[in-house]
Amino acid sequence: MLSIFDVVMSPCKTIIQKARDIWPEVYILWFAMVGQIISIATPYWSRTSYGYSGLWKDCIAGECISVFEYGDPSHWLRCVQIVVCLSLPLTLLAAIFLLLASTKTNTNCSTPGGFASLTVGCMLLLGGGFYGYQQNATSSIGWSLLVSVVSGCMCVFCSTRMIINCIKREDEVDVQKVFKPGPTNL
């Protein structure tokens, strides 16, 4: 005889069983998102002998001033700001795609999540690379820039795992179709 607990927990157990394969990707995306938030919020993208600079503030002798206070920031800085900031909601979208694919399909295949994560990784790597390229000889890269680049690498790694899992899963489904007897559509 089934208890009420078994009836209620049966769908939850099925969802948890399906989602077990995607937890590494969820954790990777979570850490990448935290890294993105930290890198966007901190002014340590580059350092010089007189202070630090970031996407939004320049800190000289312990006093931080907005980059917009000097006037219009350079075009390359605005491009990096836009690319890095757009990558954050796209990371959230990739995580949502991943979770929905695990609970709403039988395959745990999140191709949209994989491509969204790949796009985020490329955006972060390009933004970080461009910011680092624009630094002059008197400045060096800071830890916020490194956190952003590592977050981009994590997103690329996560997308690779998601896409490989989809390919493996599709191969398993094809093998099951071949060996499962049933009507054919000839």
C-alpha atoms as a PDB file:
ATOM      1  CA  MET A   1       0.000   0.000   0.000  1.00  0.00           C
ATOM      2  CA  LEU A   2       1.371   3.385  -0.987  1.00  0.00           C
ATOM      3  CA  SER A   3       1.529   6.060   1.628  1.00  0.00           C
ATOM      4  CA  ILE A   4       0.832   9.736   0.986  1.00  0.00           C
ATOM      5  CA  PHE A   5       4.549  10.385   1.364  1.00  0.00           C
ATOM      6  CA  ASP A   6       5.364   7.919  -1.442  1.00  0.00           C
ATOM      7  CA  VAL A   7       2.752   9.477  -3.713  1.00  0.00           C
ATOM      8  CA  VAL A   8       4.069  12.994  -3.102  1.00  0.00           C
ATOM      9  CA  MET A   9       7.761  12.094  -3.235  1.00  0.00           C
ATOM     10  CA  SER A  10       7.608   9.910  -6.346  1.00  0.00           C
ATOM     11  CA  PRO A  11       7.628  12.837  -8.827  1.00  0.00           C
ATOM     12  CA  CYS A  12      10.299  14.619  -6.762  1.00  0.00           C
ATOM     13  CA  LYS A  13      12.452  11.509  -6.774  1.00  0.00           C
ATOM     14  CA  THR A  14      12.110  11.251 -10.561  1.00  0.00           C
ATOM     15  CA  ILE A  15      13.086  14.896 -11.057  1.00  0.00           C
ATOM     16  CA  ILE A  16      16.075  14.549  -8.734  1.00  0.00           C
ATOM     17  CA  GLN A  17      17.168  11.389 -10.552  1.00  0.00           C
ATOM     18  CA  LYS A  18      16.983  13.191 -13.906  1.00  0.00           C
ATOM     19  CA  ALA A  19      18.775  16.258 -12.589  1.00  0.00           C
ATOM     20  CA  ARG A  20      21.642  14.311 -11.032  1.00  0.00           C
ATOM     21  CA  ASP A  21      23.610  14.376 -14.284  1.00  0.00           C
ATOM     22  CA  ILE A  22      23.560  18.163 -14.575  1.00  0.00           C
ATOM     23  CA  TRP A  23      24.678  19.240 -11.103  1.00  0.00           C
ATOM     24  CA  PRO A  24      28.328  19.771 -12.079  1.00  0.00           C
ATOM     25  CA  GLU A  25      27.194  22.200 -14.783  1.00  0.00           C
ATOM     26  CA  VAL A  26      24.856  23.973 -12.364  1.00  0.00           C
ATOM     27  CA  TYR A  27      27.677  24.443  -9.852  1.00  0.00           C
ATOM     28  CA  ILE A  28      30.090  25.630 -12.531  1.00  0.00           C
ATOM     29  CA  LEU A  29      27.556  28.174 -13.813  1.00  0.00           C
ATOM     30  CA  TRP A  30      26.839  29.296 -10.247  1.00  0.00           C
ATOM     31  CA  PHE A  31      30.523  29.935  -9.511  1.00  0.00           C
ATOM     32  CA  ALA A  32      30.964  31.654 -12.881  1.00  0.00           C
ATOM     33  CA  MET A  33      28.022  33.938 -12.097  1.00  0.00           C
ATOM     34  CA  VAL A  34      29.444  34.810  -8.676  1.00  0.00           C
ATOM     35  CA  GLY A  35      32.789  35.547 -10.335  1.00  0.00           C
ATOM     36  CA  GLN A  36      31.079  37.791 -12.872  1.00  0.00           C
ATOM     37  CA  ILE A  37      29.291  39.755 -10.157  1.00  0.00           C
ATOM     38  CA  ILE A  38      32.534  40.196  -8.217  1.00  0.00           C
ATOM     39  CA  SER A  39      34.483  41.298 -11.277  1.00  0.00           C
ATOM     40  CA  ILE A  40      31.809  43.782 -12.361  1.00  0.00           C
ATOM     41  CA  ALA A  41      31.473  45.293  -8.890  1.00  0.00           C
ATOM     42  CA  THR A  42      35.145  45.724  -7.999  1.00  0.00           C
ATOM     43  CA  PRO A  43      37.552  48.397  -9.311  1.00  0.00           C
ATOM     44  CA  TYR A  44      40.623  46.151  -9.519  1.00  0.00           C
ATOM     45  CA  TRP A  45      40.770  45.431 -13.250  1.00  0.00           C
ATOM     46  CA  SER A  46      44.143  47.136 -13.594  1.00  0.00           C
ATOM     47  CA  ARG A  47      46.632  48.655 -11.215  1.00  0.00           C
ATOM     48  CA  THR A  48      49.205  51.374 -11.569  1.00  0.00           C
ATOM     49  CA  SER A  49      51.702  52.981  -9.255  1.00  0.00           C
ATOM     50  CA  TYR A  50      49.082  55.511  -8.151  1.00  0.00           C
ATOM     51  CA  GLY A  51      46.002  53.280  -7.731  1.00  0.00           C
ATOM     52  CA  TYR A  52      43.497  50.945  -9.307  1.00  0.00           C
ATOM     53  CA  SER A  53      41.090  51.159 -12.235  1.00  0.00           C
ATOM     54  CA  GLY A  54      37.957  49.205 -12.985  1.00  0.00           C
ATOM     55  CA  LEU A  55      34.974  49.201 -15.270  1.00  0.00           C
ATOM     56  CA  TRP A  56      33.135  51.844 -13.280  1.00  0.00           C
ATOM     57  CA  LYS A  57      35.625  53.547 -10.944  1.00  0.00           C
ATOM     58  CA  ASP A  58      39.200  54.758 -10.818  1.00  0.00           C
ATOM     59  CA  CYS A  59      40.717  54.698  -7.341  1.00  0.00           C
ATOM     60  CA  ILE A  60      43.644  57.037  -6.722  1.00  0.00           C
ATOM     61  CA  ALA A  61      45.237  57.286  -3.274  1.00  0.00           C
ATOM     62  CA  GLY A  62      42.296  55.542  -1.623  1.00  0.00           C
ATOM     63  CA  GLU A  63      39.638  57.811  -3.179  1.00  0.00           C
ATOM     64  CA  CYS A  64      37.412  56.318  -5.877  1.00  0.00           C
ATOM     65  CA  ILE A  65      35.951  58.441  -8.672  1.00  0.00           C
ATOM     66  CA  SER A  66      33.428  57.316 -11.285  1.00  0.00           C
ATOM     67  CA  VAL A  67      34.826  56.898 -14.793  1.00  0.00           C
ATOM     68  CA  PHE A  68      31.915  59.016 -16.034  1.00  0.00           C
ATOM     69  CA  GLU A  69      33.028  61.947 -13.891  1.00  0.00           C
ATOM     70  CA  TYR A  70      35.927  62.688 -16.253  1.00  0.00           C
ATOM     71  CA  GLY A  71      33.501  62.978 -19.141  1.00  0.00           C
ATOM     72  CA  ASP A  72      32.656  60.361 -21.680  1.00  0.00           C
ATOM     73  CA  PRO A  73      34.827  57.245 -21.139  1.00  0.00           C
ATOM     74  CA  SER A  74      36.759  55.866 -24.076  1.00  0.00           C
ATOM     75  CA  HIS A  75      34.918  53.697 -26.568  1.00  0.00           C
ATOM     76  CA  TRP A  76      36.855  50.549 -25.751  1.00  0.00           C
ATOM     77  CA  LEU A  77      35.913  50.861 -22.061  1.00  0.00           C
ATOM     78  CA  ARG A  78      32.241  51.301 -22.929  1.00  0.00           C
ATOM     79  CA  CYS A  79      32.382  48.214 -25.158  1.00  0.00           C
ATOM     80  CA  VAL A  80      33.939  46.154 -22.371  1.00  0.00           C
ATOM     81  CA  GLN A  81      31.315  47.447 -19.907  1.00  0.00           C
ATOM     82  CA  ILE A  82      28.490  46.462 -22.246  1.00  0.00           C
ATOM     83  CA  VAL A  83      29.875  43.022 -23.118  1.00  0.00           C
ATOM     84  CA  VAL A  84      30.667  42.070 -19.525  1.00  0.00           C
ATOM     85  CA  CYS A  85      27.336  43.344 -18.192  1.00  0.00           C
ATOM     86  CA  LEU A  86      25.315  41.586 -20.911  1.00  0.00           C
ATOM     87  CA  SER A  87      27.031  38.316 -20.097  1.00  0.00           C
ATOM     88  CA  LEU A  88      25.560  38.208 -16.581  1.00  0.00           C
ATOM     89  CA  PRO A  89      21.857  37.807 -17.521  1.00  0.00           C
ATOM     90  CA  LEU A  90      22.883  35.434 -20.289  1.00  0.00           C
ATOM     91  CA  THR A  91      24.567  33.221 -17.673  1.00  0.00           C
ATOM     92  CA  LEU A  92      21.336  33.187 -15.700  1.00  0.00           C
ATOM     93  CA  LEU A  93      19.453  32.282 -18.877  1.00  0.00           C
ATOM     94  CA  ALA A  94      21.862  29.390 -19.533  1.00  0.00           C
ATOM     95  CA  ALA A  95      21.262  28.085 -16.002  1.00  0.00           C
ATOM     96  CA  ILE A  96      17.485  28.331 -16.471  1.00  0.00           C
ATOM     97  CA  PHE A  97      17.722  26.448 -19.784  1.00  0.00           C
ATOM     98  CA  LEU A  98      19.809  23.785 -18.083  1.00  0.00           C
ATOM     99  CA  LEU A  99      17.401  23.316 -15.185  1.00  0.00           C
ATOM    100  CA  LEU A 100      14.336  23.284 -17.441  1.00  0.00           C
ATOM    101  CA  ALA A 101      15.923  20.709 -19.723  1.00  0.00           C
ATOM    102  CA  SER A 102      16.612  18.442 -16.771  1.00  0.00           C
ATOM    103  CA  THR A 103      13.088  18.598 -15.396  1.00  0.00           C
ATOM    104  CA  LYS A 104      10.980  18.864 -18.544  1.00  0.00           C
ATOM    105  CA  THR A 105      12.680  16.451 -20.935  1.00  0.00           C
ATOM    106  CA  ASN A 106      13.758  12.855 -20.738  1.00  0.00           C
ATOM    107  CA  THR A 107      17.184  13.512 -22.176  1.00  0.00           C
ATOM    108  CA  ASN A 108      18.859  16.096 -19.880  1.00  0.00           C
ATOM    109  CA  CYS A 109      19.927  17.721 -23.138  1.00  0.00           C
ATOM    110  CA  SER A 110      20.286  21.461 -22.874  1.00  0.00           C
ATOM    111  CA  THR A 111      21.581  22.562 -26.243  1.00  0.00           C
ATOM    112  CA  PRO A 112      20.260  26.134 -25.793  1.00  0.00           C
ATOM    113  CA  GLY A 113      21.912  26.266 -22.364  1.00  0.00           C
ATOM    114  CA  GLY A 114      25.166  24.991 -23.825  1.00  0.00           C
ATOM    115  CA  PHE A 115      25.226  27.574 -26.576  1.00  0.00           C
ATOM    116  CA  ALA A 116      24.203  30.362 -24.182  1.00  0.00           C
ATOM    117  CA  SER A 117      27.024  29.352 -21.853  1.00  0.00           C
ATOM    118  CA  LEU A 118      29.465  29.242 -24.776  1.00  0.00           C
ATOM    119  CA  THR A 119      28.367  32.739 -25.807  1.00  0.00           C
ATOM    120  CA  VAL A 120      28.873  34.013 -22.251  1.00  0.00           C
ATOM    121  CA  GLY A 121      32.333  32.484 -22.087  1.00  0.00           C
ATOM    122  CA  CYS A 122      33.353  34.047 -25.388  1.00  0.00           C
ATOM    123  CA  MET A 123      31.948  37.430 -24.335  1.00  0.00           C
ATOM    124  CA  LEU A 124      33.865  37.394 -21.056  1.00  0.00           C
ATOM    125  CA  LEU A 125      37.089  36.236 -22.671  1.00  0.00           C
ATOM    126  CA  LEU A 126      36.838  38.862 -25.400  1.00  0.00           C
ATOM    127  CA  GLY A 127      35.944  41.625 -22.938  1.00  0.00           C
ATOM    128  CA  GLY A 128      38.739  40.678 -20.558  1.00  0.00           C
ATOM    129  CA  GLY A 129      41.236  40.284 -23.370  1.00  0.00           C
ATOM    130  CA  PHE A 130      40.333  43.624 -24.876  1.00  0.00           C
ATOM    131  CA  TYR A 131      40.577  45.380 -21.506  1.00  0.00           C
ATOM    132  CA  GLY A 132      43.979  43.826 -20.876  1.00  0.00           C
ATOM    133  CA  TYR A 133      45.158  44.718 -24.385  1.00  0.00           C
ATOM    134  CA  GLN A 134      44.247  48.390 -23.877  1.00  0.00           C
ATOM    135  CA  GLN A 135      46.420  48.768 -20.786  1.00  0.00           C
ATOM    136  CA  ASN A 136      49.618  50.728 -21.222  1.00  0.00           C
ATOM    137  CA  ALA A 137      53.140  49.913 -20.073  1.00  0.00           C
ATOM    138  CA  THR A 138      52.685  51.603 -16.676  1.00  0.00           C
ATOM    139  CA  SER A 139      49.744  49.439 -15.625  1.00  0.00           C
ATOM    140  CA  SER A 140      49.311  45.741 -14.969  1.00  0.00           C
ATOM    141  CA  ILE A 141      46.249  43.557 -14.870  1.00  0.00           C
ATOM    142  CA  GLY A 142      44.369  43.258 -11.600  1.00  0.00           C
ATOM    143  CA  TRP A 143      42.615  40.388  -9.914  1.00  0.00           C
ATOM    144  CA  SER A 144      39.109  41.486 -11.029  1.00  0.00           C
ATOM    145  CA  LEU A 145      40.141  41.048 -14.642  1.00  0.00           C
ATOM    146  CA  LEU A 146      41.523  37.608 -13.824  1.00  0.00           C
ATOM    147  CA  VAL A 147      38.273  36.644 -12.073  1.00  0.00           C
ATOM    148  CA  SER A 148      36.334  37.709 -15.172  1.00  0.00           C
ATOM    149  CA  VAL A 149      38.579  35.661 -17.470  1.00  0.00           C
ATOM    150  CA  VAL A 150      38.369  32.604 -15.187  1.00  0.00           C
ATOM    151  CA  SER A 151      34.562  32.964 -15.177  1.00  0.00           C
ATOM    152  CA  GLY A 152      34.645  33.002 -18.965  1.00  0.00           C
ATOM    153  CA  CYS A 153      36.773  29.853 -19.025  1.00  0.00           C
ATOM    154  CA  MET A 154      34.346  28.181 -16.609  1.00  0.00           C
ATOM    155  CA  CYS A 155      31.424  29.022 -18.909  1.00  0.00           C
ATOM    156  CA  VAL A 156      33.239  27.625 -21.958  1.00  0.00           C
ATOM    157  CA  PHE A 157      34.070  24.451 -19.998  1.00  0.00           C
ATOM    158  CA  CYS A 158      30.453  24.161 -18.834  1.00  0.00           C
ATOM    159  CA  SER A 159      29.127  24.607 -22.368  1.00  0.00           C
ATOM    160  CA  THR A 160      31.486  21.924 -23.616  1.00  0.00           C
ATOM    161  CA  ARG A 161      30.199  19.518 -20.959  1.00  0.00           C
ATOM    162  CA  MET A 162      26.570  20.328 -21.800  1.00  0.00           C
ATOM    163  CA  ILE A 163      27.024  19.849 -25.526  1.00  0.00           C
ATOM    164  CA  ILE A 164      29.003  16.609 -25.065  1.00  0.00           C
ATOM    165  CA  ASN A 165      26.266  15.297 -22.732  1.00  0.00           C
ATOM    166  CA  CYS A 166      23.678  16.079 -25.411  1.00  0.00           C
ATOM    167  CA  ILE A 167      25.689  14.234 -28.041  1.00  0.00           C
ATOM    168  CA  LYS A 168      26.162  11.209 -25.749  1.00  0.00           C
ATOM    169  CA  ARG A 169      22.493  11.207 -24.848  1.00  0.00           C
ATOM    170  CA  GLU A 170      21.394  11.386 -28.474  1.00  0.00           C
ATOM    171  CA  ASP A 171      23.697   8.455 -29.285  1.00  0.00           C
ATOM    172  CA  GLU A 172      22.091   6.433 -26.453  1.00  0.00           C
ATOM    173  CA  VAL A 173      18.607   7.259 -27.741  1.00  0.00           C
ATOM    174  CA  ASP A 174      19.605   6.220 -31.280  1.00  0.00           C
ATOM    175  CA  VAL A 175      21.001   2.907 -29.981  1.00  0.00           C
ATOM    176  CA  GLN A 176      17.794   2.289 -28.027  1.00  0.00           C
ATOM    177  CA  LYS A 177      15.730   2.909 -31.169  1.00  0.00           C
ATOM    178  CA  VAL A 178      17.820   0.423 -33.150  1.00  0.00           C
ATOM    179  CA  PHE A 179      17.631  -2.398 -30.605  1.00  0.00           C
ATOM    180  CA  LYS A 180      14.081  -1.803 -29.410  1.00  0.00           C
ATOM    181  CA  PRO A 181      11.666  -3.929 -31.410  1.00  0.00           C
ATOM    182  CA  GLY A 182       8.624  -2.181 -32.714  1.00  0.00           C
ATOM    183  CA  PRO A 183       6.892  -1.046 -35.860  1.00  0.00           C
ATOM    184  CA  THR A 184       9.061   0.432 -38.567  1.00  0.00           C
ATOM    185  CA  ASN A 185       8.176   3.256 -40.889  1.00  0.00           C
ATOM    186  CA  LEU A 186       9.421   1.839 -44.184  1.00  0.00           C
END
